[in-house]
Every structure is written in C-alpha cells, then in structure tokens.
Amino acid sequence: MSQKGLIKWNDYQLPLDRKTISLAIDSLSSGQNRLTKTETKELEFYKQEYAFDQFSLASEEKVFFKKDAFNRFRVGKYEKEGAKIFVDPLFGLQALKSGNKNTYHYFSGVRLAGYFGKRWGFNFAFRDNTEKGDTLTHLSSFAPVEGIVPTIQTQRSINYSSFNYNVGYRWSNGALSAGQENLSWGYGIGGNIALSGRAPSFPFIKFDFDPWHWLHFSYFHGWLQSNIIDSARSYNTSSGILGSRREIYFPKFIAHHSLTVTPLKGLDIALGESVIYSDKLSFAYLIPINFFKAYDQHNSRYNINAGDNSQFFGLISSRNHIRNTHIYSQVFIDEIRASKIFDKKERRNQLGYTLGINKTDLFLNYLTAGIEYSRINPFVYNNLIPTQTYESNSYSLGDWMGNNADRLYLFVQYVPVPKLRIKLWHQKIRKGESGTLDQQYFQSPQPEFLFQKLFDYKETAFAARYEFINRLIASMEINNNTIKFVNTSSVKNKSVRFGISYGL
C-alpha cells in the first residue's frame, strides 16, 4: 500500500508494534474507495485483527474461546476501563522432504499482548521448538533462517526456544521501549546488509522521536552474546560435577542510532552509525545523541587495540515517484579510507551495498515483481578483537551470506484472491573465503573481491501461503538449488516443505 502512495510505512525498522500497524490500517480505511476488491477484503480481514489496538470498549468484556466484539476469534481476552489483554496459543508443524531425507519441525507456546491506558503497551511471545530428522535447517550457517541457541542437541534432533517481549510507552511524537526482539534496520528482499534480525533476539532499550513530520530519530542499545568465555573471571565451584567450573562470558553490546529525513512524500533518506563494544557497559553509548565514532577515537586515544568496532550506514528509499514503484539503495561501511577510495594499492573499501527496485500492480492488480543486487566486500563484519565482531551468538548481525560475496535476486509475488500469497524467486550467490586478520589489516593492496572463491549458489523456488482465519496459516515451498564448488563437482538439492501454524 505504501508503494502505491496510500500510506506512510516506515518498514526499514522492524519489528513494527501493533499500534503502528493499526494506525496504518485506520489510514487505509479512510481512503477505501481507492482499493481494489481484493485489497478491500484483505483490509476488512486485518481490521478484525487490529481492532483490539485501535478501539476501546465502553463496557467490560470477557471472551474465552469465542469471537470478540470485533468478530475476531479469541482464546482469551479481557477488557475493562481502558486496560485490555489477550492471550493466544502458538503451535505449528512443518514437514520437509529433501530427496530421501525427511525432517519435522514442531512448536508450541503462548502469546500475550495488551494495553494499560492510552500510552502503555506490551507483548510477550514464547515458543518451544523441536526439529527432528536428517536435515536440520536451523544448524546451517549458510541459510536465511533465524539463528537459534540449542538447549538439547543430538545428531538427528535439536530443541530450542524463541523468546520475544516488549513493554513501551508512547506519546504524540515519540516512544520509549525495552524488551527482547529480532531488531532489523534497512531494506532487502534476499537479505539485509545492515541489521538483518537473523541473530537470536537480544535484550535492548529503544527510543524513537519525531520532532517534525519530516524527521525521525531512532536509537537503541542492545546486550549481545559474545560466545567467548572470560577465563580470568570464570572460577572453580568445588561442586564436584560438570567440571566444577562457573563459566562467565565476555560482555558484548551494541549501540545504534539513525536519523531519517523525509523531504517529500514517499522519499526517505537515512543515515546512521552503530558500535559494537565489549568488556563493560559504557555510559557514553547510552546517550542517544553521542557521536559513537568520535567518542571511541577520543576514549581509546587512537589505539586500535583499545578501541571499539564502529560502522556507518545509510539508505535512500523512493516510493511511488514512479507509479507503484519502490526504488531503494543501501550502504554499510565497516571501514573506509575516503581519500584512497580509488587507489588500488592503499584503498580499504570494506563496505557493502544493496540496489533494488520492485513494482506492484504490474499487468495485474496485486502482482509485484522486482530485482535486487547486494555486494559485501571482503572483511566486512570482521574485527581484530574477537569480542567485537559484528555478530551475536556467533550469528552475523548483517547479511546471512557473509562477506566476500554478492547476490542477484529476482522475484514475482501475486495475491490472486484475498489472504493467499504466492511467490516465485530466483537467486544467484557468489561466495569467497572470509580471509585472515593478517590479510585484513596488513595486506597491501587488499585482496580483490571474491578472492579465494569457494562456490556459486543458485536457487529457484516457489512458495504459497494462505491465512484461513486470523493467524491460522497454511504454507508450502518447493525449492531447487545447486552449489557449484570451485574445481569440484556440483551438489544439487530439491526439497518440498509443508506447514501449518496458529498464532504467529
């Protein structure tokens, strides 16, 4: 809808809270005469889901295993005097067949959300997941799936939990929140080079502020997992079991802020920076308007071994300036010598970028097609200090394909009838070695892009998704991919996946 100029939709920062989504739905309702029949039916469907966030009832309402006042089925809901809460179960099953191998993923959990008055809101979601079979997808390091922290793991099964929560306070032009989520920043269909949300969720505090309608400021500070044990702080417990050792990890943190200017409707220009630091919490990085890079240089006295790991990023997004078209570009700068960008011997262009365009209502209403290219140069996301790499829980905070790689991604997506989405895509990835720290910091000239090439990856896939009632979803995917390793034979894989879930 934002691509057609019908609403303002700041989806470069995810996840969006329920209140923001409900306000967008309300905005669409006021211009309903501009929607197609399919769009109108979908709007009515989603109004059922988010009426809870938009409207308050004058009288007390108790709902258990039936439809509420807005015709949305609820397992549990209670509302009285401006305070309200709902609870939904979470459960689902996926079956994957790849050749003669089979894998099953099933989960169960609970989800709660609510408001206390007009300004306070919260959400909570917990899922217990189990995968069993021959191809455990979530253990793959080269896959666009959310990272996990296994609790139980064998050769043919893993168990892990998904745990997100958030509590926030809103006012007319800002919000404060704290929680644990898979935060992301930037655009990308095939992947996100800046902040992808792929790493396991981490705790954070967040501040958003819109001093004027054309300016948005966002800041968060997060507590990451270094996965590196601090042997100096770890100690013996004398318990006599499990090694009698208390293990303590090095603390690891991220601070992130950005400024987005909207000079005209549909055009967003954003700039920001982030810093990964370790060892102890720094008050300076808790100040939203601090210039992280300058502070780090001052605090470390320009000593690289005492400093932190900072990055710059930016994006430009144009929606509906060409009718029904979204054009976007994004850059992520890990390290650069501005005066040596074109000097082949001394340049250090450790950066990544994305260029993309997609158009909706192409030949048919609700048919969208697009193309996207992403490139990540060697050594991006790396750092000489292991506790300050651009990752958490050993998963990259950036693009899942890693550095020294590029990707061409093409897709077509269609909504033939309300609540049914089908998608066909093809992508090609070229991937090289990550390289060594010695190459990163001392080799001159720097290794060329795709040095020590590993493989070419090609994938063609089709997916469909249908939502029967609110949050009851059936899905399927057919995937055909090939990995061609350098100087070796190709590995081909065909797979089919079916799934059904409720509550997600």
Protein backbone atom coordinates (compact mmCIF):
# COMPACT_ATOMS: atom_id res chain seq x y z
CA MET A 1 0.00 0.00 0.00
CA SER A 2 2.86 2.40 0.73
CA GLN A 3 4.29 1.55 -2.67
CA LYS A 4 1.07 2.91 -4.19
CA GLY A 5 1.27 6.06 -2.07
CA LEU A 6 -1.73 5.16 0.09
CA ILE A 7 0.02 5.11 3.48
CA LYS A 8 3.29 6.07 5.12
CA TRP A 9 5.10 2.89 6.11
CA ASN A 10 8.50 3.05 7.84
CA ASP A 11 9.26 -0.64 7.40
CA TYR A 12 13.02 -0.11 7.23
CA GLN A 13 12.88 -0.55 11.03
CA LEU A 14 11.39 -3.82 12.23
CA PRO A 15 9.51 -5.15 14.06
CA LEU A 16 6.66 -2.64 13.90
CA ASP A 17 4.49 -2.55 17.00
CA ARG A 18 0.81 -3.41 16.81
CA LYS A 19 -0.28 0.17 17.43
CA THR A 20 1.68 1.43 14.41
CA ILE A 21 0.12 -1.27 12.21
CA SER A 22 -3.38 -0.46 13.48
CA LEU A 23 -2.91 3.24 12.69
CA ALA A 24 -1.85 2.35 9.13
CA ILE A 25 -4.95 0.19 8.73
CA ASP A 26 -7.11 3.05 10.00
CA SER A 27 -5.45 5.37 7.48
CA LEU A 28 -6.25 2.93 4.67
CA SER A 29 -9.88 2.75 5.79
CA SER A 30 -10.29 6.48 5.21
CA GLY A 31 -9.26 6.01 1.57
CA GLN A 32 -11.01 2.70 0.98
CA ASN A 33 -12.55 3.90 -2.29
CA ARG A 34 -9.08 3.71 -3.88
CA LEU A 35 -8.66 -0.01 -3.11
CA THR A 36 -9.40 -2.96 -5.36
CA LYS A 37 -11.93 -5.63 -4.34
CA THR A 38 -9.16 -7.95 -3.15
CA GLU A 39 -7.48 -5.16 -1.19
CA THR A 40 -10.80 -4.16 0.39
CA LYS A 41 -11.49 -7.73 1.54
CA GLU A 42 -7.99 -8.04 2.99
CA LEU A 43 -8.38 -4.70 4.75
CA GLU A 44 -11.57 -5.91 6.44
CA PHE A 45 -9.78 -9.10 7.47
CA TYR A 46 -6.88 -7.23 9.08
CA LYS A 47 -9.22 -4.74 10.73
CA GLN A 48 -10.55 -7.72 12.71
CA GLU A 49 -7.02 -8.48 13.92
CA TYR A 50 -6.01 -4.95 14.89
CA ALA A 51 -9.31 -3.50 16.12
CA PHE A 52 -8.06 -4.60 19.55
CA ASP A 53 -5.29 -2.00 19.27
CA GLN A 54 -7.38 0.76 17.72
CA PHE A 55 -10.62 0.81 19.71
CA SER A 56 -11.59 0.60 23.38
CA LEU A 57 -14.96 -0.64 24.60
CA ALA A 58 -17.14 1.36 26.96
CA SER A 59 -18.13 -1.75 28.92
CA GLU A 60 -16.30 -4.72 30.38
CA GLU A 61 -15.65 -7.63 28.01
CA LYS A 62 -14.66 -11.18 28.87
CA VAL A 63 -14.02 -13.57 25.98
CA PHE A 64 -12.99 -17.22 26.21
CA PHE A 65 -12.86 -19.46 23.12
CA LYS A 66 -15.23 -17.37 21.05
CA LYS A 67 -15.37 -14.25 18.88
CA ASP A 68 -14.93 -10.86 20.48
CA ALA A 69 -16.86 -7.65 19.80
CA PHE A 70 -14.89 -7.18 16.56
CA ASN A 71 -15.67 -10.69 15.24
CA ARG A 72 -12.12 -11.96 15.87
CA PHE A 73 -11.87 -15.41 17.46
CA ARG A 74 -10.07 -15.23 20.78
CA VAL A 75 -8.86 -17.94 23.10
CA GLY A 76 -8.83 -15.36 25.86
CA LYS A 77 -9.46 -11.63 26.11
CA TYR A 78 -10.31 -9.24 28.91
CA GLU A 79 -11.01 -5.50 28.73
CA LYS A 80 -12.17 -3.01 31.33
CA GLU A 81 -11.78 0.74 31.80
CA GLY A 82 -9.05 1.26 29.21
CA ALA A 83 -6.95 -1.76 30.22
CA LYS A 84 -7.05 -4.82 27.98
CA ILE A 85 -5.16 -8.02 27.30
CA PHE A 86 -5.45 -11.03 25.00
CA VAL A 87 -3.79 -14.43 25.02
CA ASP A 88 -3.30 -16.74 22.04
CA PRO A 89 -1.73 -20.18 21.83
CA LEU A 90 1.16 -20.69 19.43
CA PHE A 91 1.53 -24.04 17.71
CA GLY A 92 2.57 -25.42 14.39
CA LEU A 93 4.12 -28.20 12.35
CA GLN A 94 6.39 -28.22 9.31
CA ALA A 95 7.41 -31.23 7.24
CA LEU A 96 10.42 -31.07 4.91
CA LYS A 97 11.32 -33.70 2.33
CA SER A 98 14.67 -33.40 0.55
CA GLY A 99 15.48 -36.36 -1.66
CA ASN A 100 15.10 -39.40 0.57
CA LYS A 101 15.59 -37.35 3.74
CA ASN A 102 12.78 -36.13 5.98
CA THR A 103 12.74 -33.51 8.71
CA TYR A 104 9.94 -32.34 11.01
CA HIS A 105 9.72 -29.09 12.94
CA TYR A 106 7.00 -28.61 15.53
CA PHE A 107 6.49 -25.93 18.14
CA SER A 108 4.10 -24.75 20.83
CA GLY A 109 3.90 -21.72 23.06
CA VAL A 110 1.89 -18.71 24.12
CA ARG A 111 1.47 -15.10 23.10
CA LEU A 112 0.08 -12.19 25.13
CA ALA A 113 -0.39 -8.53 24.29
CA GLY A 114 -2.24 -5.64 25.83
CA TYR A 115 -2.53 -2.02 26.88
CA PHE A 116 -2.85 -0.19 30.15
CA GLY A 117 -4.42 3.13 29.28
CA LYS A 118 -3.69 5.00 26.07
CA ARG A 119 0.10 5.11 26.35
CA TRP A 120 1.40 1.86 27.88
CA GLY A 121 1.53 -1.35 25.85
CA PHE A 122 3.25 -4.73 25.99
CA ASN A 123 3.65 -8.01 24.16
CA PHE A 124 5.13 -11.37 25.08
CA ALA A 125 5.72 -14.48 22.97
CA PHE A 126 7.41 -17.77 23.83
CA ARG A 127 7.80 -20.86 21.64
CA ASP A 128 9.40 -24.21 22.38
CA ASN A 129 10.75 -25.69 19.12
CA THR A 130 11.88 -29.18 18.18
CA GLU A 131 13.41 -30.32 14.90
CA LYS A 132 13.91 -34.00 14.14
CA GLY A 133 15.24 -35.66 11.02
CA ASP A 134 18.05 -35.81 8.51
CA THR A 135 18.47 -32.12 7.53
CA LEU A 136 18.32 -29.76 10.49
CA THR A 137 17.82 -26.40 8.74
CA HIS A 138 18.50 -24.17 11.72
CA LEU A 139 22.00 -25.59 12.18
CA SER A 140 23.09 -24.39 8.73
CA SER A 141 25.40 -21.36 8.78
CA PHE A 142 24.60 -20.54 5.13
CA ALA A 143 20.82 -20.16 5.18
CA PRO A 144 18.40 -17.22 5.52
CA VAL A 145 16.82 -18.56 8.70
CA GLU A 146 16.69 -17.08 12.17
CA GLY A 147 19.56 -18.10 14.42
CA ILE A 148 18.98 -20.32 17.42
CA VAL A 149 20.55 -21.26 20.74
CA PRO A 150 20.05 -25.04 21.13
CA THR A 151 19.04 -26.33 24.56
CA ILE A 152 19.21 -30.02 23.60
CA GLN A 153 21.06 -31.28 20.55
CA THR A 154 21.75 -34.72 19.10
CA GLN A 155 22.81 -35.85 15.65
CA ARG A 156 19.19 -36.02 14.45
CA SER A 157 17.32 -33.56 16.68
CA ILE A 158 17.54 -30.14 18.28
CA ASN A 159 15.40 -28.32 20.79
CA TYR A 160 15.45 -24.55 21.21
CA SER A 161 13.23 -21.72 22.37
CA SER A 162 12.11 -18.47 20.72
CA PHE A 163 11.51 -15.70 23.25
CA ASN A 164 10.45 -12.13 22.47
CA TYR A 165 8.88 -9.47 24.65
CA ASN A 166 8.47 -5.71 24.74
CA VAL A 167 6.98 -3.07 27.01
CA GLY A 168 6.65 0.51 25.81
CA TYR A 169 5.32 3.98 26.48
CA ARG A 170 4.07 6.19 23.62
CA TRP A 171 3.28 9.87 23.35
CA SER A 172 2.20 12.05 20.43
CA ASN A 173 5.60 12.14 18.69
CA GLY A 174 7.77 9.54 20.39
CA ALA A 175 8.13 6.23 22.20
CA LEU A 176 10.30 4.52 24.81
CA SER A 177 10.51 0.74 24.98
CA ALA A 178 12.50 -2.12 26.44
CA GLY A 179 12.42 -5.77 25.56
CA GLN A 180 13.99 -8.58 23.57
CA GLU A 181 13.38 -8.77 19.82
CA ASN A 182 14.99 -9.56 16.47
CA LEU A 183 15.64 -5.94 15.53
CA SER A 184 16.37 -5.01 11.92
CA TRP A 185 17.22 -1.83 10.01
CA GLY A 186 17.29 -1.34 6.26
CA TYR A 187 15.78 -2.84 3.12
CA GLY A 188 16.48 -6.14 1.47
CA ILE A 189 14.35 -8.90 -0.07
CA GLY A 190 17.05 -11.57 -0.30
CA GLY A 191 18.95 -10.37 2.78
CA ASN A 192 19.81 -7.25 4.75
CA ILE A 193 23.39 -5.98 4.82
CA ALA A 194 22.97 -3.52 7.74
CA LEU A 195 20.97 -5.13 10.56
CA SER A 196 19.10 -8.22 9.45
CA GLY A 197 17.37 -9.56 12.56
CA ARG A 198 18.81 -13.01 11.80
CA ALA A 199 20.80 -13.37 15.02
CA PRO A 200 18.89 -14.71 18.04
CA SER A 201 16.88 -11.99 19.74
CA PHE A 202 18.71 -9.89 22.32
CA PRO A 203 17.60 -7.50 25.11
CA PHE A 204 17.50 -3.79 24.32
CA ILE A 205 16.27 -0.35 25.30
CA LYS A 206 14.90 1.83 22.49
CA PHE A 207 13.96 5.46 21.91
CA ASP A 208 12.09 6.85 18.88
CA PHE A 209 11.32 10.53 18.35
CA ASP A 210 9.62 12.53 15.58
CA PRO A 211 10.17 16.23 16.34
CA TRP A 212 8.52 17.08 13.00
CA HIS A 213 6.58 15.02 10.48
CA TRP A 214 9.58 15.02 8.13
CA LEU A 215 12.25 13.96 10.66
CA HIS A 216 12.60 10.68 12.57
CA PHE A 217 15.30 9.79 15.11
CA SER A 218 15.80 6.26 16.40
CA TYR A 219 18.20 4.85 18.99
CA PHE A 220 18.66 1.53 20.72
CA HIS A 221 21.23 -0.12 22.98
CA GLY A 222 21.41 -3.90 22.99
CA TRP A 223 23.04 -6.62 25.10
CA LEU A 224 24.64 -9.19 22.77
CA GLN A 225 26.16 -12.62 23.42
CA SER A 226 29.90 -12.87 22.70
CA ASN A 227 30.12 -16.68 22.98
CA ILE A 228 33.66 -16.18 24.32
CA ILE A 229 34.42 -17.27 27.87
CA ASP A 230 36.36 -14.90 30.12
CA SER A 231 38.84 -17.30 31.72
CA ALA A 232 40.06 -14.63 34.16
CA ARG A 233 36.59 -14.11 35.64
CA SER A 234 35.48 -17.75 35.47
CA TYR A 235 36.10 -19.70 38.65
CA ASN A 236 36.01 -23.11 40.33
CA THR A 237 32.82 -24.02 42.20
CA SER A 238 34.09 -27.14 44.03
CA SER A 239 30.71 -28.75 43.33
CA GLY A 240 32.30 -31.96 42.11
CA ILE A 241 30.11 -32.21 38.99
CA LEU A 242 30.21 -30.93 35.40
CA GLY A 243 33.81 -29.82 35.71
CA SER A 244 33.24 -27.80 38.90
CA ARG A 245 33.55 -24.64 36.86
CA ARG A 246 31.48 -21.45 36.71
CA GLU A 247 31.93 -20.04 33.20
CA ILE A 248 31.44 -16.33 32.52
CA TYR A 249 31.21 -14.85 29.04
CA PHE A 250 32.75 -11.57 27.99
CA PRO A 251 30.02 -8.91 27.97
CA LYS A 252 29.20 -7.61 24.50
CA PHE A 253 26.99 -4.68 23.48
CA ILE A 254 25.66 -2.72 20.51
CA ALA A 255 24.61 0.92 20.32
CA HIS A 256 22.75 2.02 17.20
CA HIS A 257 21.15 5.28 16.09
CA SER A 258 19.86 6.77 12.85
CA LEU A 259 18.28 9.94 11.50
CA THR A 260 15.71 9.79 8.70
CA VAL A 261 14.66 12.82 6.67
CA THR A 262 11.51 12.77 4.52
CA PRO A 263 11.79 15.87 2.28
CA LEU A 264 8.71 14.86 0.31
CA LYS A 265 6.07 12.17 0.48
CA GLY A 266 7.48 8.73 -0.30
CA LEU A 267 11.15 9.78 -0.17
CA ASP A 268 13.23 8.71 2.84
CA ILE A 269 16.92 9.50 3.29
CA ALA A 270 18.52 7.90 6.35
CA LEU A 271 21.99 7.99 7.88
CA GLY A 272 23.21 6.25 10.99
CA GLU A 273 26.01 4.59 12.87
CA SER A 274 26.45 1.69 15.23
CA VAL A 275 29.19 0.48 17.51
CA ILE A 276 30.00 -2.98 18.87
CA TYR A 277 31.88 -2.84 22.16
CA SER A 278 32.76 -5.27 24.93
CA ASP A 279 34.15 -5.87 28.42
CA LYS A 280 31.89 -3.49 30.37
CA LEU A 281 28.82 -1.31 29.92
CA SER A 282 29.71 2.21 28.77
CA PHE A 283 27.52 5.11 29.91
CA ALA A 284 28.65 7.14 26.89
CA TYR A 285 26.94 4.70 24.50
CA LEU A 286 23.71 5.03 26.49
CA ILE A 287 23.46 8.67 25.36
CA PRO A 288 21.32 8.61 22.16
CA ILE A 289 22.90 11.67 20.51
CA ASN A 290 26.52 10.71 21.18
CA PHE A 291 28.78 10.54 18.10
CA PHE A 292 29.99 6.97 18.64
CA LYS A 293 32.96 7.04 16.25
CA ALA A 294 34.36 10.30 17.60
CA TYR A 295 33.88 9.21 21.20
CA ASP A 296 35.64 5.90 20.55
CA GLN A 297 38.64 7.62 18.96
CA HIS A 298 38.88 10.04 21.88
CA ASN A 299 38.40 7.40 24.56
CA SER A 300 40.87 4.90 23.03
CA ARG A 301 43.43 7.62 22.26
CA TYR A 302 43.50 6.31 18.66
CA ASN A 303 44.86 2.96 19.90
CA ILE A 304 43.27 0.27 17.73
CA ASN A 305 43.80 -2.37 20.42
CA ALA A 306 41.90 -0.24 22.94
CA GLY A 307 39.10 0.89 20.62
CA ASP A 308 35.67 -0.37 19.70
CA ASN A 309 34.17 -1.50 16.38
CA SER A 310 32.03 1.18 14.73
CA GLN A 311 30.08 1.21 11.46
CA PHE A 312 28.24 3.76 9.31
CA PHE A 313 25.18 3.02 7.20
CA GLY A 314 22.59 4.79 5.11
CA LEU A 315 19.70 4.31 2.73
CA ILE A 316 17.59 6.14 0.17
CA SER A 317 14.05 4.92 -0.48
CA SER A 318 11.67 6.24 -3.15
CA ARG A 319 8.07 5.06 -3.19
CA ASN A 320 5.50 5.88 -5.87
CA HIS A 321 7.55 8.66 -7.50
CA ILE A 322 7.45 6.26 -10.41
CA ARG A 323 3.89 4.95 -10.19
CA ASN A 324 3.54 1.91 -7.88
CA THR A 325 7.32 1.51 -7.75
CA HIS A 326 9.77 1.19 -4.85
CA ILE A 327 13.40 2.06 -5.61
CA TYR A 328 15.94 1.76 -2.83
CA SER A 329 19.66 1.71 -2.19
CA GLN A 330 21.59 0.99 0.97
CA VAL A 331 25.22 1.11 2.07
CA PHE A 332 27.01 -0.36 5.09
CA ILE A 333 30.54 0.92 5.79
CA ASP A 334 32.71 -1.11 8.14
CA GLU A 335 35.98 0.63 7.27
CA ILE A 336 36.99 3.03 4.52
CA ARG A 337 39.78 5.47 3.65
CA ALA A 338 37.85 8.27 1.98
CA SER A 339 40.94 9.79 0.35
CA LYS A 340 42.04 6.41 -1.07
CA ILE A 341 38.75 5.04 -2.43
CA PHE A 342 40.11 4.77 -5.99
CA ASP A 343 43.71 3.99 -5.07
CA LYS A 344 44.11 0.31 -5.93
CA LYS A 345 47.14 -0.08 -3.67
CA GLU A 346 46.04 1.70 -0.49
CA ARG A 347 42.23 1.61 -0.53
CA ARG A 348 40.35 -0.17 2.25
CA ASN A 349 36.80 -0.26 0.91
CA GLN A 350 35.38 -2.65 3.48
CA LEU A 351 31.74 -1.97 2.75
CA GLY A 352 28.57 -3.48 1.37
CA TYR A 353 25.72 -2.09 -0.68
CA THR A 354 22.28 -3.03 -1.99
CA LEU A 355 20.37 -1.72 -5.01
CA GLY A 356 16.77 -2.74 -5.59
CA ILE A 357 13.61 -1.94 -7.49
CA ASN A 358 10.17 -3.53 -7.48
CA LYS A 359 6.84 -2.58 -9.00
CA THR A 360 3.35 -3.59 -7.93
CA ASP A 361 0.12 -3.82 -9.96
CA LEU A 362 2.31 -4.90 -12.85
CA PHE A 363 -0.10 -6.08 -15.60
CA LEU A 364 -2.42 -7.41 -12.85
CA ASN A 365 -3.68 -5.92 -9.59
CA TYR A 366 -1.57 -7.14 -6.65
CA LEU A 367 1.17 -8.57 -8.90
CA THR A 368 4.62 -7.40 -7.79
CA ALA A 369 7.95 -8.07 -9.50
CA GLY A 370 11.40 -6.93 -8.51
CA ILE A 371 15.15 -7.28 -8.81
CA GLU A 372 17.81 -6.69 -6.18
CA TYR A 373 21.60 -6.82 -6.12
CA SER A 374 23.74 -6.93 -2.97
CA ARG A 375 27.51 -6.98 -2.67
CA ILE A 376 29.58 -7.30 0.50
CA ASN A 377 33.31 -6.74 0.14
CA PRO A 378 35.97 -8.83 1.91
CA PHE A 379 36.43 -8.44 5.68
CA VAL A 380 33.13 -6.61 6.32
CA TYR A 381 31.70 -7.61 9.76
CA ASN A 382 35.16 -8.82 10.96
CA ASN A 383 37.31 -7.26 13.69
CA LEU A 384 40.73 -7.96 15.18
CA ILE A 385 39.16 -8.17 18.66
CA PRO A 386 37.06 -11.39 18.79
CA THR A 387 34.55 -9.94 21.26
CA GLN A 388 33.80 -7.05 18.89
CA THR A 389 32.88 -8.78 15.63
CA TYR A 390 29.56 -7.78 14.06
CA GLU A 391 27.66 -10.76 15.41
CA SER A 392 25.79 -12.14 18.39
CA ASN A 393 25.64 -15.76 19.49
CA SER A 394 28.03 -16.47 16.58
CA TYR A 395 25.42 -15.29 14.03
CA SER A 396 26.09 -12.26 11.85
CA LEU A 397 24.03 -9.19 12.66
CA GLY A 398 24.23 -8.37 8.95
CA ASP A 399 23.52 -10.37 5.80
CA TRP A 400 23.28 -14.15 6.14
CA MET A 401 25.58 -14.78 3.13
CA GLY A 402 28.52 -13.14 4.92
CA ASN A 403 31.34 -11.08 3.43
CA ASN A 404 33.26 -11.51 0.17
CA ALA A 405 30.01 -12.38 -1.59
CA ASP A 406 27.34 -10.96 -3.85
CA ARG A 407 23.76 -11.88 -4.67
CA LEU A 408 21.37 -11.23 -7.55
CA TYR A 409 17.76 -11.78 -6.50
CA LEU A 410 14.67 -11.72 -8.74
CA PHE A 411 11.10 -12.34 -7.63
CA VAL A 412 7.45 -12.24 -8.64
CA GLN A 413 4.73 -12.14 -6.00
CA TYR A 414 0.96 -12.31 -6.52
CA VAL A 415 -2.22 -12.21 -4.45
CA PRO A 416 -4.83 -13.89 -6.69
CA VAL A 417 -7.52 -13.98 -4.00
CA PRO A 418 -7.70 -12.41 -0.54
CA LYS A 419 -5.34 -13.94 2.06
CA LEU A 420 -3.47 -16.09 -0.49
CA ARG A 421 0.09 -15.09 -1.37
CA ILE A 422 2.23 -16.89 -3.92
CA LYS A 423 5.84 -16.10 -4.74
CA LEU A 424 8.39 -17.28 -7.28
CA TRP A 425 12.04 -16.29 -6.93
CA HIS A 426 15.47 -16.99 -8.30
CA GLN A 427 18.78 -16.00 -6.77
CA LYS A 428 22.44 -16.44 -7.59
CA ILE A 429 25.18 -16.02 -4.98
CA ARG A 430 28.94 -15.97 -5.48
CA LYS A 431 30.91 -16.63 -2.32
CA GLY A 432 34.60 -16.33 -1.45
CA GLU A 433 36.72 -17.04 1.63
CA SER A 434 36.43 -14.75 4.65
CA GLY A 435 40.20 -14.30 4.73
CA THR A 436 42.53 -13.83 7.67
CA LEU A 437 43.10 -10.95 10.07
CA ASP A 438 46.60 -10.57 8.65
CA GLN A 439 45.14 -10.08 5.17
CA GLN A 440 42.53 -7.68 6.51
CA TYR A 441 44.87 -5.38 8.40
CA PHE A 442 48.25 -5.69 6.68
CA GLN A 443 47.98 -6.93 3.10
CA SER A 444 48.53 -4.14 0.59
CA PRO A 445 46.92 -3.92 -1.82
CA GLN A 446 43.88 -5.53 -0.22
CA PRO A 447 42.68 -8.84 -1.71
CA GLU A 448 40.31 -8.43 -4.65
CA PHE A 449 36.60 -9.08 -4.38
CA LEU A 450 35.80 -12.82 -4.44
CA PHE A 451 39.43 -13.76 -3.77
CA GLN A 452 39.83 -17.46 -2.95
CA LYS A 453 36.40 -18.15 -4.40
CA LEU A 454 34.53 -21.02 -2.77
CA PHE A 455 31.36 -21.63 -4.76
CA ASP A 456 28.43 -20.41 -6.84
CA TYR A 457 24.97 -20.95 -5.38
CA LYS A 458 21.80 -20.92 -7.49
CA GLU A 459 18.27 -21.28 -6.17
CA THR A 460 14.84 -21.30 -7.78
CA ALA A 461 11.83 -21.62 -5.51
CA PHE A 462 8.07 -21.29 -5.30
CA ALA A 463 6.09 -20.61 -2.12
CA ALA A 464 2.43 -20.19 -1.23
CA ARG A 465 0.75 -19.04 1.97
CA TYR A 466 -2.94 -18.90 2.90
CA GLU A 467 -4.47 -17.46 6.08
CA PHE A 468 -7.79 -19.22 6.76
CA ILE A 469 -8.76 -17.16 9.80
CA ASN A 470 -6.68 -14.64 11.72
CA ARG A 471 -3.30 -16.25 12.48
CA LEU A 472 -4.23 -19.73 11.16
CA ILE A 473 -1.83 -20.17 8.24
CA ALA A 474 -1.00 -22.99 5.84
CA SER A 475 2.17 -22.75 3.77
CA MET A 476 4.22 -24.70 1.26
CA GLU A 477 7.53 -24.25 -0.56
CA ILE A 478 9.23 -26.06 -3.43
CA ASN A 479 12.95 -25.37 -3.66
CA ASN A 480 15.59 -26.37 -6.20
CA ASN A 481 19.18 -25.28 -5.56
CA THR A 482 22.68 -26.05 -6.77
CA ILE A 483 26.07 -25.38 -5.19
CA LYS A 484 28.98 -25.44 -7.66
CA PHE A 485 32.23 -25.61 -5.70
CA VAL A 486 35.42 -24.37 -7.33
CA ASN A 487 37.32 -27.21 -9.03
CA THR A 488 34.85 -29.83 -7.78
CA SER A 489 31.51 -31.24 -8.81
CA SER A 490 28.13 -29.63 -8.16
CA VAL A 491 25.77 -30.52 -5.32
CA LYS A 492 22.10 -30.39 -6.27
CA ASN A 493 19.19 -30.41 -3.87
CA LYS A 494 15.43 -30.48 -4.32
CA SER A 495 13.09 -30.07 -1.39
CA VAL A 496 9.41 -29.67 -0.58
CA ARG A 497 8.12 -28.12 2.63
CA PHE A 498 4.58 -28.04 4.04
CA GLY A 499 3.48 -26.31 7.20
CA ILE A 500 0.54 -25.16 9.27
CA SER A 501 0.64 -22.80 12.23
CA TYR A 502 -1.56 -20.77 14.53
CA GLY A 503 -0.75 -17.61 16.44
CA LEU A 504 2.38 -16.40 14.65
